[in-house]
């Protein structure tokens, strides 16, 4: 059932909380499951040990419920499967608090709910069948009547126990769906009363004075090959100096 001292998901404490055996045994769900286990064992045990007898004029053993072998086979099948299912679900109840995934817990609770509901109906069919066949048995000589009555009675008790298990599983499923929520991001609303952040005065700007670098001419001892000759006012003509044009 629910963990009264802390948070729980699908009827089991959160993963990492440990396992308390004494608390697990005292849970109503565990007690009812153990009762269902015992009732199933009584039903198929009575039929397998004393449910078949042979008459004085036949060597073939027949079912004590109106010699209907189908009734005995049905009760044995339902009882054996219920016996094994109780063991499996007890182990699952122990392992459930160690499941860290909520989806896995959901599937486990759904399996318990579906199986318990189905076996509640099947035990009801078994009770009706055995009661009907026992009511039609007229010759009860040599028949172990106590075993027959115990089979019918514990079939009826199994209807109640498996119905309670289905109810417990349904309650755990509903609580689990309400407890498990998917976190969604929602932007917080703007607070109009929040003051603006403080402003800071700008720092004083001190420009740096730029001083150009002066360069000193470095004298060179190499003569300038491209230096022009000194300027003369009367340049000498080039070519033949003594040439005179002819006179006609």
C-alpha atoms as a PDB file:
ATOM      1  CA  UNK A   1       0.000   0.000   0.000  1.00  0.00           C
ATOM      2  CA  UNK A   2       1.018   3.639   0.225  1.00  0.00           C
ATOM      3  CA  UNK A   3       4.178   4.681   1.934  1.00  0.00           C
ATOM      4  CA  UNK A   4       2.943   6.735   4.835  1.00  0.00           C
ATOM      5  CA  UNK A   5       6.378   8.153   5.697  1.00  0.00           C
ATOM      6  CA  UNK A   6       7.453   9.400   2.280  1.00  0.00           C
ATOM      7  CA  UNK A   7       6.651   9.868  -1.349  1.00  0.00           C
ATOM      8  CA  UNK A   8       5.418   6.910  -3.344  1.00  0.00           C
ATOM      9  CA  UNK A   9       4.692   6.051  -6.958  1.00  0.00           C
ATOM     10  CA  UNK A  10       2.089   3.379  -7.847  1.00  0.00           C
ATOM     11  CA  UNK A  11       1.765   2.304  -4.228  1.00  0.00           C
ATOM     12  CA  UNK A  12       5.496   1.735  -3.635  1.00  0.00           C
ATOM     13  CA  UNK A  13       8.156   3.958  -2.138  1.00  0.00           C
ATOM     14  CA  UNK A  14      10.610   5.728  -4.372  1.00  0.00           C
ATOM     15  CA  UNK A  15      13.662   3.849  -5.594  1.00  0.00           C
ATOM     16  CA  UNK A  16      16.550   3.830  -3.152  1.00  0.00           C
ATOM     17  CA  UNK A  17      14.356   3.763  -0.063  1.00  0.00           C
ATOM     18  CA  UNK A  18      15.219   0.160   0.815  1.00  0.00           C
ATOM     19  CA  UNK A  19      12.995  -2.825   1.554  1.00  0.00           C
ATOM     20  CA  UNK A  20      11.222  -3.338   4.871  1.00  0.00           C
ATOM     21  CA  UNK A  21      10.244  -7.005   5.169  1.00  0.00           C
ATOM     22  CA  UNK A  22       8.071  -6.610   8.269  1.00  0.00           C
ATOM     23  CA  UNK A  23       6.137  -3.767   6.690  1.00  0.00           C
ATOM     24  CA  UNK A  24       5.767  -5.722   3.449  1.00  0.00           C
ATOM     25  CA  UNK A  25       4.300  -8.746   5.256  1.00  0.00           C
ATOM     26  CA  UNK A  26       1.798  -6.571   7.155  1.00  0.00           C
ATOM     27  CA  UNK A  27       0.435  -4.958   4.012  1.00  0.00           C
ATOM     28  CA  UNK A  28      -3.204  -5.916   3.269  1.00  0.00           C
ATOM     29  CA  UNK A  29      -2.279  -6.648  -0.326  1.00  0.00           C
ATOM     30  CA  UNK A  30       0.395  -9.153   0.738  1.00  0.00           C
ATOM     31  CA  UNK A  31      -1.966 -10.848   3.226  1.00  0.00           C
ATOM     32  CA  UNK A  32      -4.742 -11.236   0.628  1.00  0.00           C
ATOM     33  CA  UNK A  33      -2.271 -12.554  -1.943  1.00  0.00           C
ATOM     34  CA  UNK A  34      -1.032 -15.178   0.509  1.00  0.00           C
ATOM     35  CA  UNK A  35      -4.630 -16.204   1.188  1.00  0.00           C
ATOM     36  CA  UNK A  36      -5.250 -16.546  -2.549  1.00  0.00           C
ATOM     37  CA  UNK A  37      -2.143 -18.710  -2.784  1.00  0.00           C
ATOM     38  CA  UNK A  38      -3.411 -20.996  -0.005  1.00  0.00           C
ATOM     39  CA  UNK A  39      -6.940 -21.223  -1.451  1.00  0.00           C
ATOM     40  CA  UNK A  40      -5.622 -22.162  -4.890  1.00  0.00           C
ATOM     41  CA  UNK A  41      -3.418 -24.838  -3.357  1.00  0.00           C
ATOM     42  CA  UNK A  42      -6.407 -26.285  -1.468  1.00  0.00           C
ATOM     43  CA  UNK A  43      -8.574 -26.428  -4.603  1.00  0.00           C
ATOM     44  CA  UNK A  44      -6.178 -28.246  -6.896  1.00  0.00           C
ATOM     45  CA  UNK A  45      -4.756 -30.277  -3.996  1.00  0.00           C
ATOM     46  CA  UNK A  46      -8.158 -31.712  -3.052  1.00  0.00           C
ATOM     47  CA  UNK A  47      -8.955 -32.645  -6.636  1.00  0.00           C
ATOM     48  CA  UNK A  48      -5.580 -34.190  -7.467  1.00  0.00           C
ATOM     49  CA  UNK A  49      -5.547 -36.307  -4.283  1.00  0.00           C
ATOM     50  CA  UNK A  50      -9.217 -37.215  -3.776  1.00  0.00           C
ATOM     51  CA  UNK A  51     -11.068 -35.872  -6.759  1.00  0.00           C
ATOM     52  CA  UNK A  52     -11.038 -39.083  -8.825  1.00  0.00           C
ATOM     53  CA  UNK A  53     -12.548 -42.415  -7.739  1.00  0.00           C
ATOM     54  CA  UNK A  54     -13.523 -45.564  -9.574  1.00  0.00           C
ATOM     55  CA  UNK A  55     -16.836 -47.276  -9.101  1.00  0.00           C
ATOM     56  CA  UNK A  56     -17.290 -50.896  -8.118  1.00  0.00           C
ATOM     57  CA  UNK A  57     -18.204 -51.943 -11.654  1.00  0.00           C
ATOM     58  CA  UNK A  58     -15.492 -49.926 -13.467  1.00  0.00           C
ATOM     59  CA  UNK A  59     -11.739 -49.698 -13.088  1.00  0.00           C
ATOM     60  CA  UNK A  60     -11.572 -46.254 -14.687  1.00  0.00           C
ATOM     61  CA  UNK A  61     -11.363 -43.353 -12.206  1.00  0.00           C
ATOM     62  CA  UNK A  62     -13.953 -40.636 -12.656  1.00  0.00           C
ATOM     63  CA  UNK A  63     -14.292 -37.127 -11.250  1.00  0.00           C
ATOM     64  CA  UNK A  64     -16.260 -36.928  -8.018  1.00  0.00           C
ATOM     65  CA  UNK A  65     -18.308 -34.026  -9.411  1.00  0.00           C
ATOM     66  CA  UNK A  66     -21.001 -35.962 -11.244  1.00  0.00           C
ATOM     67  CA  UNK A  67     -18.282 -37.960 -13.014  1.00  0.00           C
ATOM     68  CA  UNK A  68     -17.540 -34.892 -15.143  1.00  0.00           C
ATOM     69  CA  UNK A  69     -13.824 -34.945 -15.821  1.00  0.00           C
ATOM     70  CA  UNK A  70     -13.952 -31.514 -17.467  1.00  0.00           C
ATOM     71  CA  UNK A  71     -15.051 -29.936 -14.184  1.00  0.00           C
ATOM     72  CA  UNK A  72     -12.115 -31.418 -12.311  1.00  0.00           C
ATOM     73  CA  UNK A  73      -9.650 -30.518 -15.066  1.00  0.00           C
ATOM     74  CA  UNK A  74     -10.907 -26.939 -15.198  1.00  0.00           C
ATOM     75  CA  UNK A  75     -10.594 -26.505 -11.421  1.00  0.00           C
ATOM     76  CA  UNK A  76      -7.088 -27.995 -11.383  1.00  0.00           C
ATOM     77  CA  UNK A  77      -5.960 -25.764 -14.248  1.00  0.00           C
ATOM     78  CA  UNK A  78      -7.327 -22.595 -12.687  1.00  0.00           C
ATOM     79  CA  UNK A  79      -5.880 -23.495  -9.297  1.00  0.00           C
ATOM     80  CA  UNK A  80      -2.374 -24.311 -10.554  1.00  0.00           C
ATOM     81  CA  UNK A  81      -2.115 -21.133 -12.618  1.00  0.00           C
ATOM     82  CA  UNK A  82      -3.434 -19.066  -9.696  1.00  0.00           C
ATOM     83  CA  UNK A  83      -0.891 -20.717  -7.375  1.00  0.00           C
ATOM     84  CA  UNK A  84       2.023 -19.849  -9.674  1.00  0.00           C
ATOM     85  CA  UNK A  85       0.679 -16.341 -10.349  1.00  0.00           C
ATOM     86  CA  UNK A  86       0.531 -15.586  -6.629  1.00  0.00           C
ATOM     87  CA  UNK A  87       4.200 -16.496  -6.280  1.00  0.00           C
ATOM     88  CA  UNK A  88       5.133 -14.382  -9.322  1.00  0.00           C
ATOM     89  CA  UNK A  89       3.209 -11.329  -8.131  1.00  0.00           C
ATOM     90  CA  UNK A  90       4.646 -11.625  -4.637  1.00  0.00           C
ATOM     91  CA  UNK A  91       8.123 -11.436  -6.150  1.00  0.00           C
ATOM     92  CA  UNK A  92       6.983  -8.497  -8.269  1.00  0.00           C
ATOM     93  CA  UNK A  93       5.664  -6.701  -5.180  1.00  0.00           C
ATOM     94  CA  UNK A  94       9.080  -7.114  -3.562  1.00  0.00           C
ATOM     95  CA  UNK A  95      10.881  -5.838  -6.655  1.00  0.00           C
ATOM     96  CA  UNK A  96       8.496  -2.915  -7.291  1.00  0.00           C
ATOM     97  CA  UNK A  97      10.149  -0.415  -4.864  1.00  0.00           C
ATOM     98  CA  UNK A  98      13.479  -0.984  -6.630  1.00  0.00           C
ATOM     99  CA  UNK A  99      12.085   0.087 -10.025  1.00  0.00           C
ATOM    100  CA  UNK A 100      13.357   3.589 -10.756  1.00  0.00           C
ATOM    101  CA  UNK A 101      11.294   3.955 -13.937  1.00  0.00           C
ATOM    102  CA  UNK A 102       7.692   5.003 -13.360  1.00  0.00           C
ATOM    103  CA  UNK A 103       6.664   3.484 -16.694  1.00  0.00           C
ATOM    104  CA  UNK A 104       7.860   0.025 -15.571  1.00  0.00           C
ATOM    105  CA  UNK A 105       5.860   0.359 -12.350  1.00  0.00           C
ATOM    106  CA  UNK A 106       2.817   1.305 -14.380  1.00  0.00           C
ATOM    107  CA  UNK A 107       3.091  -1.833 -16.516  1.00  0.00           C
ATOM    108  CA  UNK A 108       3.563  -4.022 -13.420  1.00  0.00           C
ATOM    109  CA  UNK A 109       0.464  -2.593 -11.732  1.00  0.00           C
ATOM    110  CA  UNK A 110      -1.550  -2.913 -14.942  1.00  0.00           C
ATOM    111  CA  UNK A 111      -0.533  -6.585 -15.277  1.00  0.00           C
ATOM    112  CA  UNK A 112      -1.598  -7.238 -11.681  1.00  0.00           C
ATOM    113  CA  UNK A 113      -4.910  -5.467 -12.237  1.00  0.00           C
ATOM    114  CA  UNK A 114      -5.694  -7.306 -15.495  1.00  0.00           C
ATOM    115  CA  UNK A 115      -4.731 -10.752 -14.169  1.00  0.00           C
ATOM    116  CA  UNK A 116      -6.587 -10.317 -10.887  1.00  0.00           C
ATOM    117  CA  UNK A 117      -9.726  -9.180 -12.694  1.00  0.00           C
ATOM    118  CA  UNK A 118      -9.559 -12.087 -15.134  1.00  0.00           C
ATOM    119  CA  UNK A 119      -9.024 -14.675 -12.386  1.00  0.00           C
ATOM    120  CA  UNK A 120     -11.890 -13.241 -10.366  1.00  0.00           C
ATOM    121  CA  UNK A 121     -14.168 -14.063 -13.278  1.00  0.00           C
ATOM    122  CA  UNK A 122     -12.595 -17.495 -13.883  1.00  0.00           C
ATOM    123  CA  UNK A 123     -12.957 -18.447 -10.221  1.00  0.00           C
ATOM    124  CA  UNK A 124     -16.605 -17.425 -10.402  1.00  0.00           C
ATOM    125  CA  UNK A 125     -17.070 -19.753 -13.391  1.00  0.00           C
ATOM    126  CA  UNK A 126     -15.229 -22.513 -11.522  1.00  0.00           C
ATOM    127  CA  UNK A 127     -17.436 -22.123  -8.448  1.00  0.00           C
ATOM    128  CA  UNK A 128     -20.617 -22.181 -10.504  1.00  0.00           C
ATOM    129  CA  UNK A 129     -19.456 -25.260 -12.432  1.00  0.00           C
ATOM    130  CA  UNK A 130     -18.377 -27.240  -9.364  1.00  0.00           C
ATOM    131  CA  UNK A 131     -21.475 -26.300  -7.370  1.00  0.00           C
ATOM    132  CA  UNK A 132     -23.717 -27.301 -10.257  1.00  0.00           C
ATOM    133  CA  UNK A 133     -21.981 -30.624 -10.807  1.00  0.00           C
ATOM    134  CA  UNK A 134     -21.882 -31.421  -7.102  1.00  0.00           C
ATOM    135  CA  UNK A 135     -25.588 -30.694  -6.849  1.00  0.00           C
ATOM    136  CA  UNK A 136     -26.187 -33.167  -9.688  1.00  0.00           C
ATOM    137  CA  UNK A 137     -24.196 -35.957  -8.003  1.00  0.00           C
ATOM    138  CA  UNK A 138     -26.778 -38.375  -6.575  1.00  0.00           C
ATOM    139  CA  UNK A 139     -24.661 -41.390  -5.745  1.00  0.00           C
ATOM    140  CA  UNK A 140     -22.245 -40.177  -3.077  1.00  0.00           C
ATOM    141  CA  UNK A 141     -21.284 -43.605  -1.800  1.00  0.00           C
ATOM    142  CA  UNK A 142     -17.526 -43.861  -1.576  1.00  0.00           C
ATOM    143  CA  UNK A 143     -17.069 -40.216  -2.481  1.00  0.00           C
ATOM    144  CA  UNK A 144     -14.953 -38.067  -0.093  1.00  0.00           C
ATOM    145  CA  UNK A 145     -17.636 -35.477   0.545  1.00  0.00           C
ATOM    146  CA  UNK A 146     -15.359 -33.292   2.672  1.00  0.00           C
ATOM    147  CA  UNK A 147     -12.901 -32.868  -0.178  1.00  0.00           C
ATOM    148  CA  UNK A 148     -15.706 -32.023  -2.595  1.00  0.00           C
ATOM    149  CA  UNK A 149     -17.237 -29.457  -0.264  1.00  0.00           C
ATOM    150  CA  UNK A 150     -13.834 -27.929   0.487  1.00  0.00           C
ATOM    151  CA  UNK A 151     -13.169 -27.552  -3.228  1.00  0.00           C
ATOM    152  CA  UNK A 152     -16.454 -25.751  -3.778  1.00  0.00           C
ATOM    153  CA  UNK A 153     -16.016 -23.555  -0.689  1.00  0.00           C
ATOM    154  CA  UNK A 154     -12.456 -22.445  -1.453  1.00  0.00           C
ATOM    155  CA  UNK A 155     -13.418 -21.744  -5.042  1.00  0.00           C
ATOM    156  CA  UNK A 156     -15.956 -19.313  -3.647  1.00  0.00           C
ATOM    157  CA  UNK A 157     -13.394 -17.788  -1.273  1.00  0.00           C
ATOM    158  CA  UNK A 158     -11.009 -17.312  -4.197  1.00  0.00           C
ATOM    159  CA  UNK A 159     -13.560 -15.102  -5.934  1.00  0.00           C
ATOM    160  CA  UNK A 160     -13.440 -12.717  -2.989  1.00  0.00           C
ATOM    161  CA  UNK A 161      -9.652 -12.669  -2.578  1.00  0.00           C
ATOM    162  CA  UNK A 162      -8.912 -12.140  -6.258  1.00  0.00           C
ATOM    163  CA  UNK A 163     -11.588  -9.461  -6.432  1.00  0.00           C
ATOM    164  CA  UNK A 164      -9.903  -7.647  -3.544  1.00  0.00           C
ATOM    165  CA  UNK A 165      -6.536  -7.923  -5.305  1.00  0.00           C
ATOM    166  CA  UNK A 166      -8.057  -6.403  -8.434  1.00  0.00           C
ATOM    167  CA  UNK A 167      -9.467  -3.551  -6.329  1.00  0.00           C
ATOM    168  CA  UNK A 168      -6.083  -2.904  -4.703  1.00  0.00           C
ATOM    169  CA  UNK A 169      -4.356  -2.891  -8.102  1.00  0.00           C
ATOM    170  CA  UNK A 170      -6.940  -0.474  -9.487  1.00  0.00           C
ATOM    171  CA  UNK A 171      -6.384   1.863  -6.543  1.00  0.00           C
ATOM    172  CA  UNK A 172      -2.615   1.785  -7.024  1.00  0.00           C
ATOM    173  CA  UNK A 173      -3.038   2.498 -10.725  1.00  0.00           C
ATOM    174  CA  UNK A 174      -5.264   5.512 -10.104  1.00  0.00           C
ATOM    175  CA  UNK A 175      -2.963   6.945  -7.462  1.00  0.00           C
ATOM    176  CA  UNK A 176       0.054   6.388  -9.678  1.00  0.00           C
ATOM    177  CA  UNK A 177      -1.490   8.247 -12.583  1.00  0.00           C
ATOM    178  CA  UNK A 178      -2.294  11.193 -10.309  1.00  0.00           C
ATOM    179  CA  UNK A 179       1.116  11.200  -8.617  1.00  0.00           C
ATOM    180  CA  UNK A 180       3.292  10.932 -11.715  1.00  0.00           C
ATOM    181  CA  UNK A 181       3.385  14.245 -13.539  1.00  0.00           C
ATOM    182  CA  UNK A 182       5.451  15.191 -16.555  1.00  0.00           C
ATOM    183  CA  UNK A 183       7.486  18.315 -15.826  1.00  0.00           C
ATOM    184  CA  UNK A 184       6.806  21.063 -18.369  1.00  0.00           C
ATOM    185  CA  UNK A 185       8.659  24.364 -18.726  1.00  0.00           C
ATOM    186  CA  UNK A 186       6.565  27.468 -18.283  1.00  0.00           C
ATOM    187  CA  UNK A 187       8.053  30.914 -18.594  1.00  0.00           C
ATOM    188  CA  UNK A 188       7.483  32.854 -15.371  1.00  0.00           C
ATOM    189  CA  UNK A 189       5.208  35.877 -15.703  1.00  0.00           C
ATOM    190  CA  UNK A 190       6.824  39.260 -15.853  1.00  0.00           C
ATOM    191  CA  UNK A 191       6.976  41.092 -12.561  1.00  0.00           C
ATOM    192  CA  UNK A 192       6.089  44.722 -13.228  1.00  0.00           C
ATOM    193  CA  UNK A 193       7.047  45.733  -9.712  1.00  0.00           C
ATOM    194  CA  UNK A 194      10.651  44.723 -10.084  1.00  0.00           C
ATOM    195  CA  UNK A 195      12.857  47.857 -10.271  1.00  0.00           C
ATOM    196  CA  UNK A 196      15.118  48.350 -13.233  1.00  0.00           C
ATOM    197  CA  UNK A 197      18.698  47.304 -12.771  1.00  0.00           C
ATOM    198  CA  UNK A 198      20.987  50.043 -11.476  1.00  0.00           C
ATOM    199  CA  UNK A 199      22.781  52.164 -14.046  1.00  0.00           C
ATOM    200  CA  UNK A 200      26.473  52.901 -13.827  1.00  0.00           C
ATOM    201  CA  UNK A 201      28.022  56.254 -14.954  1.00  0.00           C
ATOM    202  CA  UNK A 202      30.391  55.979 -17.896  1.00  0.00           C
ATOM    203  CA  UNK A 203      34.063  56.128 -17.123  1.00  0.00           C
ATOM    204  CA  UNK A 204      36.027  59.247 -18.076  1.00  0.00           C
ATOM    205  CA  UNK A 205      37.669  59.078 -21.494  1.00  0.00           C
ATOM    206  CA  UNK A 206      41.266  60.283 -21.614  1.00  0.00           C
ATOM    207  CA  UNK A 207      42.520  60.405 -25.199  1.00  0.00           C
ATOM    208  CA  UNK A 208      46.165  59.656 -25.720  1.00  0.00           C
ATOM    209  CA  UNK A 209      48.198  62.331 -27.550  1.00  0.00           C
ATOM    210  CA  UNK A 210      49.903  60.961 -30.612  1.00  0.00           C
ATOM    211  CA  UNK A 211      53.434  62.198 -31.231  1.00  0.00           C
ATOM    212  CA  UNK A 212      54.752  61.520 -34.759  1.00  0.00           C
ATOM    213  CA  UNK A 213      58.154  60.015 -35.017  1.00  0.00           C
ATOM    214  CA  UNK A 214      60.801  62.116 -36.762  1.00  0.00           C
ATOM    215  CA  UNK A 215      63.360  60.484 -38.960  1.00  0.00           C
ATOM    216  CA  UNK A 216      66.926  61.848 -39.533  1.00  0.00           C
ATOM    217  CA  UNK A 217      68.451  61.629 -43.006  1.00  0.00           C
ATOM    218  CA  UNK A 218      71.420  59.338 -43.065  1.00  0.00           C
ATOM    219  CA  UNK A 219      74.220  60.644 -45.297  1.00  0.00           C
ATOM    220  CA  UNK A 220      75.323  58.362 -48.000  1.00  0.00           C
ATOM    221  CA  UNK A 221      78.791  58.251 -49.494  1.00  0.00           C
ATOM    222  CA  UNK A 222      77.551  56.696 -52.707  1.00  0.00           C
ATOM    223  CA  UNK A 223      77.178  59.295 -55.468  1.00  0.00           C
ATOM    224  CA  UNK A 224      73.831  59.772 -57.038  1.00  0.00           C
ATOM    225  CA  UNK A 225      74.032  58.269 -60.480  1.00  0.00           C
ATOM    226  CA  UNK A 226      70.842  59.986 -61.569  1.00  0.00           C
ATOM    227  CA  UNK A 227      71.959  63.468 -60.622  1.00  0.00           C
ATOM    228  CA  UNK A 228      71.413  66.000 -63.450  1.00  0.00           C
ATOM    229  CA  UNK A 229      74.414  67.977 -64.846  1.00  0.00           C
ATOM    230  CA  UNK A 230      74.670  71.597 -63.895  1.00  0.00           C
ATOM    231  CA  UNK A 231      72.523  73.967 -65.907  1.00  0.00           C
ATOM    232  CA  UNK A 232      74.268  76.039 -68.641  1.00  0.00           C
ATOM    233  CA  UNK A 233      72.795  79.063 -70.374  1.00  0.00           C
ATOM    234  CA  UNK A 234      74.241  78.328 -73.850  1.00  0.00           C
ATOM    235  CA  UNK A 235      74.299  74.714 -74.500  1.00  0.00           C
ATOM    236  CA  UNK A 236      76.663  73.568 -77.196  1.00  0.00           C
ATOM    237  CA  UNK A 237      75.031  72.047 -80.273  1.00  0.00           C
ATOM    238  CA  UNK A 238      75.653  68.497 -80.825  1.00  0.00           C
ATOM    239  CA  UNK A 239      77.231  67.054 -83.970  1.00  0.00           C
ATOM    240  CA  UNK A 240      79.573  68.888 -86.429  1.00  0.00           C
ATOM    241  CA  UNK A 241      80.525  72.293 -85.056  1.00  0.00           C
ATOM    242  CA  UNK A 242      82.088  73.737 -88.236  1.00  0.00           C
ATOM    243  CA  UNK A 243      79.246  73.015 -90.615  1.00  0.00           C
ATOM    244  CA  UNK A 244      77.901  76.062 -92.570  1.00  0.00           C
ATOM    245  CA  UNK A 245      74.759  75.919 -94.681  1.00  0.00           C
ATOM    246  CA  UNK A 246      75.319  76.543 -98.440  1.00  0.00           C
ATOM    247  CA  UNK A 247      74.474  79.924 -99.954  1.00  0.00           C
ATOM    248  CA  UNK A 248      72.548  79.974-103.239  1.00  0.00           C
END
